[in-house]
PDB file of all heavy atoms in Angstrom:
ATOM      1  N   GLY A   1     143.460  80.225  23.528  1.00  0.00           N
ATOM      2  CA  GLY A   1     143.491  79.859  24.938  1.00  0.00           C
ATOM      3  C   GLY A   1     143.885  78.417  25.179  1.00  0.00           C
ATOM      4  O   GLY A   1     143.844  77.579  24.276  1.00  0.00           O
ATOM      5  N   PRO A   2     144.266  78.104  26.421  1.00  0.00           N
ATOM      6  CA  PRO A   2     144.741  76.758  26.752  1.00  0.00           C
ATOM      7  C   PRO A   2     143.675  75.675  26.632  1.00  0.00           C
ATOM      8  O   PRO A   2     144.014  74.518  26.381  1.00  0.00           O
ATOM      9  CB  PRO A   2     145.235  76.900  28.196  1.00  0.00           C
ATOM     10  CG  PRO A   2     144.543  78.112  28.731  1.00  0.00           C
ATOM     11  CD  PRO A   2     144.367  79.027  27.562  1.00  0.00           C
ATOM     12  N   SER A   3     142.415  76.033  26.795  1.00  0.00           N
ATOM     13  CA  SER A   3     141.363  75.020  26.626  1.00  0.00           C
ATOM     14  C   SER A   3     141.339  74.504  25.195  1.00  0.00           C
ATOM     15  O   SER A   3     141.158  73.301  24.950  1.00  0.00           O
ATOM     16  CB  SER A   3     140.000  75.612  27.000  1.00  0.00           C
ATOM     17  OG  SER A   3     139.957  75.968  28.368  1.00  0.00           O
ATOM     18  N   ALA A   4     141.523  75.415  24.243  1.00  0.00           N
ATOM     19  CA  ALA A   4     141.568  75.005  22.839  1.00  0.00           C
ATOM     20  C   ALA A   4     142.811  74.155  22.569  1.00  0.00           C
ATOM     21  O   ALA A   4     142.757  73.200  21.776  1.00  0.00           O
ATOM     22  CB  ALA A   4     141.552  76.232  21.929  1.00  0.00           C
ATOM     23  N   VAL A   5     143.929  74.483  23.224  1.00  0.00           N
ATOM     24  CA  VAL A   5     145.157  73.705  23.047  1.00  0.00           C
ATOM     25  C   VAL A   5     144.929  72.255  23.461  1.00  0.00           C
ATOM     26  O   VAL A   5     145.238  71.325  22.710  1.00  0.00           O
ATOM     27  CB  VAL A   5     146.325  74.311  23.860  1.00  0.00           C
ATOM     28  CG1 VAL A   5     147.546  73.380  23.825  1.00  0.00           C
ATOM     29  CG2 VAL A   5     146.700  75.680  23.324  1.00  0.00           C
ATOM     30  N   VAL A   6     144.379  72.040  24.659  1.00  0.00           N
ATOM     31  CA  VAL A   6     144.223  70.665  25.134  1.00  0.00           C
ATOM     32  C   VAL A   6     143.176  69.913  24.323  1.00  0.00           C
ATOM     33  O   VAL A   6     143.273  68.691  24.163  1.00  0.00           O
ATOM     34  CB  VAL A   6     143.902  70.618  26.649  1.00  0.00           C
ATOM     35  CG1 VAL A   6     144.995  71.301  27.448  1.00  0.00           C
ATOM     36  CG2 VAL A   6     142.542  71.208  26.965  1.00  0.00           C
ATOM     37  N   LYS A   7     142.185  70.626  23.770  1.00  0.00           N
ATOM     38  CA  LYS A   7     141.204  69.949  22.919  1.00  0.00           C
ATOM     39  C   LYS A   7     141.851  69.497  21.613  1.00  0.00           C
ATOM     40  O   LYS A   7     141.543  68.421  21.097  1.00  0.00           O
ATOM     41  CB  LYS A   7     140.015  70.868  22.655  1.00  0.00           C
ATOM     42  CG  LYS A   7     139.128  71.058  23.892  1.00  0.00           C
ATOM     43  CD  LYS A   7     138.017  72.052  23.666  1.00  0.00           C
ATOM     44  CE  LYS A   7     136.916  71.510  22.793  1.00  0.00           C
ATOM     45  NZ  LYS A   7     135.790  72.464  22.668  1.00  0.00           N
ATOM     46  N   SER A   8     142.742  70.324  21.064  1.00  0.00           N
ATOM     47  CA  SER A   8     143.468  69.898  19.861  1.00  0.00           C
ATOM     48  C   SER A   8     144.340  68.685  20.156  1.00  0.00           C
ATOM     49  O   SER A   8     144.316  67.689  19.420  1.00  0.00           O
ATOM     50  CB  SER A   8     144.342  71.039  19.332  1.00  0.00           C
ATOM     51  OG  SER A   8     143.589  72.035  18.689  1.00  0.00           O
ATOM     52  N   LEU A   9     145.115  68.758  21.237  1.00  0.00           N
ATOM     53  CA  LEU A   9     146.020  67.656  21.578  1.00  0.00           C
ATOM     54  C   LEU A   9     145.253  66.398  21.950  1.00  0.00           C
ATOM     55  O   LEU A   9     145.722  65.282  21.713  1.00  0.00           O
ATOM     56  CB  LEU A   9     146.928  68.079  22.723  1.00  0.00           C
ATOM     57  CG  LEU A   9     148.284  68.704  22.392  1.00  0.00           C
ATOM     58  CD1 LEU A   9     149.211  67.711  21.718  1.00  0.00           C
ATOM     59  CD2 LEU A   9     148.139  69.939  21.543  1.00  0.00           C
ATOM     60  N   GLY A  10     144.051  66.575  22.521  1.00  0.00           N
ATOM     61  CA  GLY A  10     143.256  65.426  22.921  1.00  0.00           C
ATOM     62  C   GLY A  10     142.728  64.613  21.756  1.00  0.00           C
ATOM     63  O   GLY A  10     142.254  63.487  21.939  1.00  0.00           O
ATOM     64  N   LYS A  11     142.826  65.147  20.553  1.00  0.00           N
ATOM     65  CA  LYS A  11     142.375  64.413  19.361  1.00  0.00           C
ATOM     66  C   LYS A  11     143.408  63.398  18.885  1.00  0.00           C
ATOM     67  O   LYS A  11     143.103  62.550  18.059  1.00  0.00           O
ATOM     68  CB  LYS A  11     142.049  65.407  18.245  1.00  0.00           C
ATOM     69  CG  LYS A  11     140.891  66.342  18.585  1.00  0.00           C
ATOM     70  CD  LYS A  11     140.728  67.456  17.578  1.00  0.00           C
ATOM     71  CE  LYS A  11     139.697  68.475  18.054  1.00  0.00           C
ATOM     72  NZ  LYS A  11     139.561  69.646  17.151  1.00  0.00           N
ATOM     73  N   LEU A  12     144.643  63.504  19.390  1.00  0.00           N
ATOM     74  CA  LEU A  12     145.662  62.526  19.057  1.00  0.00           C
ATOM     75  C   LEU A  12     145.491  61.289  19.940  1.00  0.00           C
ATOM     76  O   LEU A  12     145.218  61.410  21.126  1.00  0.00           O
ATOM     77  CB  LEU A  12     147.063  63.105  19.297  1.00  0.00           C
ATOM     78  CG  LEU A  12     147.413  64.422  18.609  1.00  0.00           C
ATOM     79  CD1 LEU A  12     148.791  64.886  19.062  1.00  0.00           C
ATOM     80  CD2 LEU A  12     147.355  64.294  17.099  1.00  0.00           C
ATOM     81  N   ASP A  13     145.667  60.119  19.366  1.00  0.00           N
ATOM     82  CA  ASP A  13     145.598  58.885  20.150  1.00  0.00           C
ATOM     83  C   ASP A  13     146.948  58.683  20.823  1.00  0.00           C
ATOM     84  O   ASP A  13     147.813  57.942  20.334  1.00  0.00           O
ATOM     85  CB  ASP A  13     145.260  57.701  19.249  1.00  0.00           C
ATOM     86  CG  ASP A  13     145.068  56.407  20.032  1.00  0.00           C
ATOM     87  OD1 ASP A  13     145.184  56.438  21.283  1.00  0.00           O
ATOM     88  OD2 ASP A  13     144.837  55.355  19.408  1.00  0.00           O
ATOM     89  N   GLN A  14     147.128  59.328  21.963  1.00  0.00           N
ATOM     90  CA  GLN A  14     148.446  59.366  22.591  1.00  0.00           C
ATOM     91  C   GLN A  14     148.879  58.032  23.179  1.00  0.00           C
ATOM     92  O   GLN A  14     150.073  57.841  23.479  1.00  0.00           O
ATOM     93  CB  GLN A  14     148.486  60.486  23.634  1.00  0.00           C
ATOM     94  CG  GLN A  14     148.287  61.867  23.008  1.00  0.00           C
ATOM     95  CD  GLN A  14     148.474  63.006  23.982  1.00  0.00           C
ATOM     96  OE1 GLN A  14     149.268  62.925  24.923  1.00  0.00           O
ATOM     97  NE2 GLN A  14     147.756  64.102  23.760  1.00  0.00           N
ATOM     98  N   VAL A  15     147.966  57.094  23.321  1.00  0.00           N
ATOM     99  CA  VAL A  15     148.338  55.752  23.777  1.00  0.00           C
ATOM    100  C   VAL A  15     149.269  55.090  22.758  1.00  0.00           C
ATOM    101  O   VAL A  15     150.056  54.205  23.098  1.00  0.00           O
ATOM    102  CB  VAL A  15     147.078  54.906  24.027  1.00  0.00           C
ATOM    103  CG1 VAL A  15     147.432  53.451  24.332  1.00  0.00           C
ATOM    104  CG2 VAL A  15     146.289  55.476  25.205  1.00  0.00           C
ATOM    105  N   LYS A  16     149.224  55.535  21.506  1.00  0.00           N
ATOM    106  CA  LYS A  16     150.120  54.991  20.483  1.00  0.00           C
ATOM    107  C   LYS A  16     151.568  55.397  20.724  1.00  0.00           C
ATOM    108  O   LYS A  16     152.476  54.797  20.160  1.00  0.00           O
ATOM    109  CB  LYS A  16     149.696  55.492  19.092  1.00  0.00           C
ATOM    110  CG  LYS A  16     148.423  54.880  18.547  1.00  0.00           C
ATOM    111  CD  LYS A  16     148.147  55.411  17.150  1.00  0.00           C
ATOM    112  CE  LYS A  16     146.974  54.720  16.506  1.00  0.00           C
ATOM    113  NZ  LYS A  16     146.720  55.242  15.137  1.00  0.00           N
ATOM    114  N   SER A  17     151.783  56.418  21.528  1.00  0.00           N
ATOM    115  CA  SER A  17     153.134  56.933  21.750  1.00  0.00           C
ATOM    116  C   SER A  17     153.738  56.322  23.003  1.00  0.00           C
ATOM    117  O   SER A  17     153.082  55.606  23.752  1.00  0.00           O
ATOM    118  CB  SER A  17     153.098  58.458  21.894  1.00  0.00           C
ATOM    119  OG  SER A  17     152.652  58.821  23.190  1.00  0.00           O
ATOM    120  N   GLY A  18     155.021  56.663  23.216  1.00  0.00           N
ATOM    121  CA  GLY A  18     155.658  56.346  24.485  1.00  0.00           C
ATOM    122  C   GLY A  18     155.884  57.602  25.288  1.00  0.00           C
ATOM    123  O   GLY A  18     156.719  57.643  26.192  1.00  0.00           O
ATOM    124  N   GLY A  19     155.102  58.651  24.963  1.00  0.00           N
ATOM    125  CA  GLY A  19     155.219  59.922  25.665  1.00  0.00           C
ATOM    126  C   GLY A  19     155.033  61.091  24.724  1.00  0.00           C
ATOM    127  O   GLY A  19     155.480  61.073  23.575  1.00  0.00           O
ATOM    128  N   THR A  20     154.319  62.125  25.200  1.00  0.00           N
ATOM    129  CA  THR A  20     154.131  63.358  24.435  1.00  0.00           C
ATOM    130  C   THR A  20     154.414  64.539  25.355  1.00  0.00           C
ATOM    131  O   THR A  20     153.989  64.555  26.508  1.00  0.00           O
ATOM    132  CB  THR A  20     152.697  63.471  23.878  1.00  0.00           C
ATOM    133  OG1 THR A  20     151.766  63.443  24.975  1.00  0.00           O
ATOM    134  CG2 THR A  20     152.376  62.338  22.919  1.00  0.00           C
ATOM    135  N   LEU A  21     155.106  65.538  24.832  1.00  0.00           N
ATOM    136  CA  LEU A  21     155.473  66.728  25.595  1.00  0.00           C
ATOM    137  C   LEU A  21     154.558  67.885  25.210  1.00  0.00           C
ATOM    138  O   LEU A  21     154.381  68.174  24.033  1.00  0.00           O
ATOM    139  CB  LEU A  21     156.928  67.098  25.289  1.00  0.00           C
ATOM    140  CG  LEU A  21     157.409  68.450  25.810  1.00  0.00           C
ATOM    141  CD1 LEU A  21     157.603  68.400  27.316  1.00  0.00           C
ATOM    142  CD2 LEU A  21     158.701  68.867  25.126  1.00  0.00           C
ATOM    143  N   LEU A  22     153.993  68.573  26.209  1.00  0.00           N
ATOM    144  CA  LEU A  22     153.157  69.749  25.950  1.00  0.00           C
ATOM    145  C   LEU A  22     153.544  70.878  26.902  1.00  0.00           C
ATOM    146  O   LEU A  22     153.403  70.758  28.115  1.00  0.00           O
ATOM    147  CB  LEU A  22     151.668  69.419  26.124  1.00  0.00           C
ATOM    148  CG  LEU A  22     150.706  70.607  26.007  1.00  0.00           C
ATOM    149  CD1 LEU A  22     150.873  71.348  24.685  1.00  0.00           C
ATOM    150  CD2 LEU A  22     149.255  70.154  26.187  1.00  0.00           C
ATOM    151  N   ASN A  23     154.066  71.968  26.347  1.00  0.00           N
ATOM    152  CA  ASN A  23     154.423  73.166  27.101  1.00  0.00           C
ATOM    153  C   ASN A  23     153.331  74.214  27.008  1.00  0.00           C
ATOM    154  O   ASN A  23     152.763  74.433  25.935  1.00  0.00           O
ATOM    155  CB  ASN A  23     155.716  73.777  26.545  1.00  0.00           C
ATOM    156  CG  ASN A  23     156.959  73.204  27.211  1.00  0.00           C
ATOM    157  OD1 ASN A  23     157.088  73.237  28.427  1.00  0.00           O
ATOM    158  ND2 ASN A  23     157.866  72.670  26.411  1.00  0.00           N
ATOM    159  N   GLN A  24     153.063  74.883  28.127  1.00  0.00           N
ATOM    160  CA  GLN A  24     152.159  76.034  28.149  1.00  0.00           C
ATOM    161  C   GLN A  24     152.774  77.113  29.045  1.00  0.00           C
ATOM    162  O   GLN A  24     153.442  76.799  30.039  1.00  0.00           O
ATOM    163  CB  GLN A  24     150.780  75.641  28.699  1.00  0.00           C
ATOM    164  CG  GLN A  24     149.959  74.790  27.739  1.00  0.00           C
ATOM    165  CD  GLN A  24     149.322  75.630  26.639  1.00  0.00           C
ATOM    166  OE1 GLN A  24     148.266  76.212  26.792  1.00  0.00           O
ATOM    167  NE2 GLN A  24     150.017  75.688  25.497  1.00  0.00           N
ATOM    168  N   ARG A  25     152.533  78.390  28.690  1.00  0.00           N
ATOM    169  CA  ARG A  25     153.005  79.501  29.517  1.00  0.00           C
ATOM    170  C   ARG A  25     151.822  80.390  29.887  1.00  0.00           C
ATOM    171  O   ARG A  25     151.061  80.801  29.004  1.00  0.00           O
ATOM    172  CB  ARG A  25     154.069  80.332  28.789  1.00  0.00           C
ATOM    173  CG  ARG A  25     154.606  81.497  29.637  1.00  0.00           C
ATOM    174  CD  ARG A  25     155.971  81.960  29.173  1.00  0.00           C
ATOM    175  NE  ARG A  25     155.941  82.766  27.968  1.00  0.00           N
ATOM    176  CZ  ARG A  25     155.866  84.102  27.960  1.00  0.00           C
ATOM    177  NH1 ARG A  25     155.773  84.781  29.101  1.00  0.00           N
ATOM    178  NH2 ARG A  25     155.876  84.768  26.822  1.00  0.00           N
ATOM    179  N   PHE A  26     151.667  80.639  31.186  1.00  0.00           N
ATOM    180  CA  PHE A  26     150.577  81.469  31.699  1.00  0.00           C
ATOM    181  C   PHE A  26     151.145  82.759  32.284  1.00  0.00           C
ATOM    182  O   PHE A  26     152.223  82.764  32.880  1.00  0.00           O
ATOM    183  CB  PHE A  26     149.810  80.743  32.814  1.00  0.00           C
ATOM    184  CG  PHE A  26     148.895  79.648  32.339  1.00  0.00           C
ATOM    185  CD1 PHE A  26     148.178  78.895  33.254  1.00  0.00           C
ATOM    186  CD2 PHE A  26     148.741  79.357  31.000  1.00  0.00           C
ATOM    187  CE1 PHE A  26     147.327  77.893  32.840  1.00  0.00           C
ATOM    188  CE2 PHE A  26     147.897  78.350  30.570  1.00  0.00           C
ATOM    189  CZ  PHE A  26     147.186  77.612  31.498  1.00  0.00           C
ATOM    190  N   LEU A  27     150.398  83.826  32.147  1.00  0.00           N
ATOM    191  CA  LEU A  27     150.715  85.046  32.867  1.00  0.00           C
ATOM    192  C   LEU A  27     150.351  84.863  34.341  1.00  0.00           C
ATOM    193  O   LEU A  27     149.340  84.229  34.661  1.00  0.00           O
ATOM    194  CB  LEU A  27     149.941  86.226  32.286  1.00  0.00           C
ATOM    195  CG  LEU A  27     150.294  86.641  30.854  1.00  0.00           C
ATOM    196  CD1 LEU A  27     149.409  87.795  30.408  1.00  0.00           C
ATOM    197  CD2 LEU A  27     151.760  87.025  30.750  1.00  0.00           C
ATOM    198  N   PRO A  28     151.141  85.386  35.272  1.00  0.00           N
ATOM    199  CA  PRO A  28     150.818  85.249  36.698  1.00  0.00           C
ATOM    200  C   PRO A  28     149.437  85.790  37.052  1.00  0.00           C
ATOM    201  O   PRO A  28     148.792  85.281  37.984  1.00  0.00           O
ATOM    202  CB  PRO A  28     151.924  86.058  37.385  1.00  0.00           C
ATOM    203  CG  PRO A  28     153.067  86.014  36.432  1.00  0.00           C
ATOM    204  CD  PRO A  28     152.449  86.042  35.061  1.00  0.00           C
ATOM    205  N   SER A  29     148.967  86.793  36.305  1.00  0.00           N
ATOM    206  CA  SER A  29     147.648  87.372  36.594  1.00  0.00           C
ATOM    207  C   SER A  29     146.524  86.372  36.380  1.00  0.00           C
ATOM    208  O   SER A  29     145.412  86.559  36.884  1.00  0.00           O
ATOM    209  CB  SER A  29     147.411  88.602  35.703  1.00  0.00           C
ATOM    210  OG  SER A  29     147.492  88.250  34.327  1.00  0.00           O
ATOM    211  N   LEU A  30     146.806  85.294  35.648  1.00  0.00           N
ATOM    212  CA  LEU A  30     145.781  84.289  35.384  1.00  0.00           C
ATOM    213  C   LEU A  30     145.523  83.398  36.595  1.00  0.00           C
ATOM    214  O   LEU A  30     144.506  82.708  36.660  1.00  0.00           O
ATOM    215  CB  LEU A  30     146.197  83.434  34.177  1.00  0.00           C
ATOM    216  CG  LEU A  30     145.172  82.479  33.589  1.00  0.00           C
ATOM    217  CD1 LEU A  30     143.926  83.217  33.140  1.00  0.00           C
ATOM    218  CD2 LEU A  30     145.769  81.717  32.413  1.00  0.00           C
ATOM    219  N   LEU A  31     146.432  83.421  37.564  1.00  0.00           N
ATOM    220  CA  LEU A  31     146.332  82.512  38.706  1.00  0.00           C
ATOM    221  C   LEU A  31     146.420  83.271  40.026  1.00  0.00           C
ATOM    222  O   LEU A  31     147.109  82.858  40.957  1.00  0.00           O
ATOM    223  CB  LEU A  31     147.436  81.449  38.631  1.00  0.00           C
ATOM    224  CG  LEU A  31     147.348  80.514  37.415  1.00  0.00           C
ATOM    225  CD1 LEU A  31     148.601  79.674  37.303  1.00  0.00           C
ATOM    226  CD2 LEU A  31     146.119  79.621  37.512  1.00  0.00           C
ATOM    227  N   LYS A  32     145.693  84.371  40.131  1.00  0.00           N
ATOM    228  CA  LYS A  32     145.745  85.205  41.331  1.00  0.00           C
ATOM    229  C   LYS A  32     144.888  84.674  42.472  1.00  0.00           C
ATOM    230  O   LYS A  32     145.184  84.888  43.646  1.00  0.00           O
ATOM    231  CB  LYS A  32     145.285  86.625  40.985  1.00  0.00           C
ATOM    232  CG  LYS A  32     146.365  87.495  40.363  1.00  0.00           C
ATOM    233  CD  LYS A  32     145.860  88.931  40.220  1.00  0.00           C
ATOM    234  CE  LYS A  32     146.975  89.857  39.776  1.00  0.00           C
ATOM    235  NZ  LYS A  32     146.511  91.265  39.664  1.00  0.00           N
ATOM    236  N   HIS A  33     143.791  83.999  42.156  1.00  0.00           N
ATOM    237  CA  HIS A  33     142.800  83.648  43.164  1.00  0.00           C
ATOM    238  C   HIS A  33     142.617  82.137  43.261  1.00  0.00           C
ATOM    239  O   HIS A  33     142.996  81.387  42.352  1.00  0.00           O
ATOM    240  CB  HIS A  33     141.459  84.319  42.829  1.00  0.00           C
ATOM    241  CG  HIS A  33     141.573  85.793  42.584  1.00  0.00           C
ATOM    242  ND1 HIS A  33     141.871  86.693  43.579  1.00  0.00           N
ATOM    243  CD2 HIS A  33     141.449  86.526  41.435  1.00  0.00           C
ATOM    244  CE1 HIS A  33     141.912  87.911  43.074  1.00  0.00           C
ATOM    245  NE2 HIS A  33     141.662  87.846  41.776  1.00  0.00           N
ATOM    246  N   ASP A  34     141.992  81.717  44.349  1.00  0.00           N
ATOM    247  CA  ASP A  34     141.766  80.288  44.551  1.00  0.00           C
ATOM    248  C   ASP A  34     140.938  79.680  43.424  1.00  0.00           C
ATOM    249  O   ASP A  34     141.191  78.552  42.995  1.00  0.00           O
ATOM    250  CB  ASP A  34     141.058  80.050  45.892  1.00  0.00           C
ATOM    251  CG  ASP A  34     141.980  80.292  47.076  1.00  0.00           C
ATOM    252  OD1 ASP A  34     143.207  80.388  46.854  1.00  0.00           O
ATOM    253  OD2 ASP A  34     141.467  80.392  48.206  1.00  0.00           O
ATOM    254  N   GLU A  35     139.941  80.442  42.950  1.00  0.00           N
ATOM    255  CA  GLU A  35     139.110  79.908  41.867  1.00  0.00           C
ATOM    256  C   GLU A  35     139.909  79.739  40.574  1.00  0.00           C
ATOM    257  O   GLU A  35     139.589  78.887  39.740  1.00  0.00           O
ATOM    258  CB  GLU A  35     137.883  80.803  41.624  1.00  0.00           C
ATOM    259  CG  GLU A  35     138.196  82.262  41.323  1.00  0.00           C
ATOM    260  CD  GLU A  35     138.139  83.133  42.556  1.00  0.00           C
ATOM    261  OE1 GLU A  35     138.452  82.642  43.661  1.00  0.00           O
ATOM    262  OE2 GLU A  35     137.757  84.316  42.409  1.00  0.00           O
ATOM    263  N   ASP A  36     140.976  80.537  40.422  1.00  0.00           N
ATOM    264  CA  ASP A  36     141.837  80.382  39.253  1.00  0.00           C
ATOM    265  C   ASP A  36     142.626  79.082  39.330  1.00  0.00           C
ATOM    266  O   ASP A  36     142.819  78.392  38.324  1.00  0.00           O
ATOM    267  CB  ASP A  36     142.801  81.566  39.132  1.00  0.00           C
ATOM    268  CG  ASP A  36     142.082  82.891  38.974  1.00  0.00           C
ATOM    269  OD1 ASP A  36     140.998  82.908  38.359  1.00  0.00           O
ATOM    270  OD2 ASP A  36     142.608  83.920  39.459  1.00  0.00           O
ATOM    271  N   ILE A  37     143.086  78.754  40.541  1.00  0.00           N
ATOM    272  CA  ILE A  37     143.800  77.489  40.741  1.00  0.00           C
ATOM    273  C   ILE A  37     142.863  76.315  40.445  1.00  0.00           C
ATOM    274  O   ILE A  37     143.265  75.312  39.848  1.00  0.00           O
ATOM    275  CB  ILE A  37     144.343  77.379  42.175  1.00  0.00           C
ATOM    276  CG1 ILE A  37     145.250  78.577  42.492  1.00  0.00           C
ATOM    277  CG2 ILE A  37     145.093  76.075  42.366  1.00  0.00           C
ATOM    278  CD1 ILE A  37     146.467  78.692  41.613  1.00  0.00           C
ATOM    279  N   ALA A  38     141.601  76.442  40.843  1.00  0.00           N
ATOM    280  CA  ALA A  38     140.616  75.393  40.555  1.00  0.00           C
ATOM    281  C   ALA A  38     140.411  75.239  39.050  1.00  0.00           C
ATOM    282  O   ALA A  38     140.249  74.120  38.547  1.00  0.00           O
ATOM    283  CB  ALA A  38     139.294  75.718  41.247  1.00  0.00           C
ATOM    284  N   LYS A  39     140.436  76.361  38.341  1.00  0.00           N
ATOM    285  CA  LYS A  39     140.293  76.300  36.882  1.00  0.00           C
ATOM    286  C   LYS A  39     141.486  75.583  36.252  1.00  0.00           C
ATOM    287  O   LYS A  39     141.342  74.812  35.307  1.00  0.00           O
ATOM    288  CB  LYS A  39     140.163  77.704  36.308  1.00  0.00           C
ATOM    289  CG  LYS A  39     138.844  78.397  36.610  1.00  0.00           C
ATOM    290  CD  LYS A  39     138.814  79.803  36.036  1.00  0.00           C
ATOM    291  CE  LYS A  39     137.516  80.526  36.369  1.00  0.00           C
ATOM    292  NZ  LYS A  39     137.516  81.920  35.846  1.00  0.00           N
ATOM    293  N   LEU A  40     142.678  75.853  36.790  1.00  0.00           N
ATOM    294  CA  LEU A  40     143.872  75.177  36.282  1.00  0.00           C
ATOM    295  C   LEU A  40     143.763  73.670  36.503  1.00  0.00           C
ATOM    296  O   LEU A  40     144.085  72.872  35.606  1.00  0.00           O
ATOM    297  CB  LEU A  40     145.127  75.726  36.962  1.00  0.00           C
ATOM    298  CG  LEU A  40     146.446  75.041  36.606  1.00  0.00           C
ATOM    299  CD1 LEU A  40     146.747  75.176  35.129  1.00  0.00           C
ATOM    300  CD2 LEU A  40     147.592  75.601  37.454  1.00  0.00           C
ATOM    301  N   ALA A  41     143.309  73.286  37.695  1.00  0.00           N
ATOM    302  CA  ALA A  41     143.126  71.860  37.984  1.00  0.00           C
ATOM    303  C   ALA A  41     142.116  71.237  37.021  1.00  0.00           C
ATOM    304  O   ALA A  41     142.309  70.116  36.527  1.00  0.00           O
ATOM    305  CB  ALA A  41     142.675  71.676  39.427  1.00  0.00           C
ATOM    306  N   SER A  42     141.049  71.963  36.734  1.00  0.00           N
ATOM    307  CA  SER A  42     140.036  71.460  35.799  1.00  0.00           C
ATOM    308  C   SER A  42     140.609  71.314  34.391  1.00  0.00           C
ATOM    309  O   SER A  42     140.279  70.370  33.667  1.00  0.00           O
ATOM    310  CB  SER A  42     138.830  72.401  35.768  1.00  0.00           C
ATOM    311  OG  SER A  42     138.163  72.408  37.012  1.00  0.00           O
ATOM    312  N   LEU A  43     141.468  72.252  34.010  1.00  0.00           N
ATOM    313  CA  LEU A  43     142.101  72.169  32.696  1.00  0.00           C
ATOM    314  C   LEU A  43     142.940  70.904  32.587  1.00  0.00           C
ATOM    315  O   LEU A  43     142.858  70.159  31.594  1.00  0.00           O
ATOM    316  CB  LEU A  43     142.980  73.398  32.464  1.00  0.00           C
ATOM    317  CG  LEU A  43     143.782  73.420  31.154  1.00  0.00           C
ATOM    318  CD1 LEU A  43     142.872  73.722  29.973  1.00  0.00           C
ATOM    319  CD2 LEU A  43     144.929  74.428  31.218  1.00  0.00           C
ATOM    320  N   ILE A  44     143.733  70.634  33.619  1.00  0.00           N
ATOM    321  CA  ILE A  44     144.586  69.446  33.600  1.00  0.00           C
ATOM    322  C   ILE A  44     143.737  68.177  33.570  1.00  0.00           C
ATOM    323  O   ILE A  44     143.985  67.256  32.779  1.00  0.00           O
ATOM    324  CB  ILE A  44     145.527  69.441  34.816  1.00  0.00           C
ATOM    325  CG1 ILE A  44     146.484  70.638  34.753  1.00  0.00           C
ATOM    326  CG2 ILE A  44     146.311  68.136  34.890  1.00  0.00           C
ATOM    327  CD1 ILE A  44     147.272  70.874  36.026  1.00  0.00           C
ATOM    328  N   ARG A  45     142.701  68.135  34.434  1.00  0.00           N
ATOM    329  CA  ARG A  45     141.839  66.942  34.479  1.00  0.00           C
ATOM    330  C   ARG A  45     141.115  66.745  33.144  1.00  0.00           C
ATOM    331  O   ARG A  45     140.924  65.615  32.688  1.00  0.00           O
ATOM    332  CB  ARG A  45     140.845  67.052  35.628  1.00  0.00           C
ATOM    333  CG  ARG A  45     141.492  66.957  37.013  1.00  0.00           C
ATOM    334  CD  ARG A  45     140.444  66.810  38.114  1.00  0.00           C
ATOM    335  NE  ARG A  45     141.081  66.725  39.431  1.00  0.00           N
ATOM    336  CZ  ARG A  45     141.161  67.739  40.279  1.00  0.00           C
ATOM    337  NH1 ARG A  45     140.637  68.921  39.962  1.00  0.00           N
ATOM    338  NH2 ARG A  45     141.755  67.597  41.446  1.00  0.00           N
ATOM    339  N   SER A  46     140.704  67.843  32.524  1.00  0.00           N
ATOM    340  CA  SER A  46     140.019  67.745  31.231  1.00  0.00           C
ATOM    341  C   SER A  46     140.951  67.176  30.160  1.00  0.00           C
ATOM    342  O   SER A  46     140.554  66.321  29.365  1.00  0.00           O
ATOM    343  CB  SER A  46     139.505  69.125  30.796  1.00  0.00           C
ATOM    344  OG  SER A  46     138.538  69.608  31.697  1.00  0.00           O
ATOM    345  N   TYR A  47     142.184  67.652  30.164  1.00  0.00           N
ATOM    346  CA  TYR A  47     143.143  67.139  29.183  1.00  0.00           C
ATOM    347  C   TYR A  47     143.393  65.648  29.395  1.00  0.00           C
ATOM    348  O   TYR A  47     143.442  64.864  28.443  1.00  0.00           O
ATOM    349  CB  TYR A  47     144.452  67.922  29.292  1.00  0.00           C
ATOM    350  CG  TYR A  47     145.497  67.510  28.284  1.00  0.00           C
ATOM    351  CD1 TYR A  47     145.174  67.293  26.951  1.00  0.00           C
ATOM    352  CD2 TYR A  47     146.831  67.328  28.669  1.00  0.00           C
ATOM    353  CE1 TYR A  47     146.131  66.923  26.020  1.00  0.00           C
ATOM    354  CE2 TYR A  47     147.797  66.963  27.748  1.00  0.00           C
ATOM    355  CZ  TYR A  47     147.443  66.758  26.424  1.00  0.00           C
ATOM    356  OH  TYR A  47     148.399  66.390  25.503  1.00  0.00           O
TER     357      TYR A  47
END
């Protein structure tokens, strides 16, 4: 899942870089409801 992805990437000291690229692909069914959008926002803020 994407939470595990951002936790793995969060272990890198990205301030050492001049930029890091991270792609993710979600199924549309994952974002059907307002609470799903809130979860997505939380995922981004957590990362």
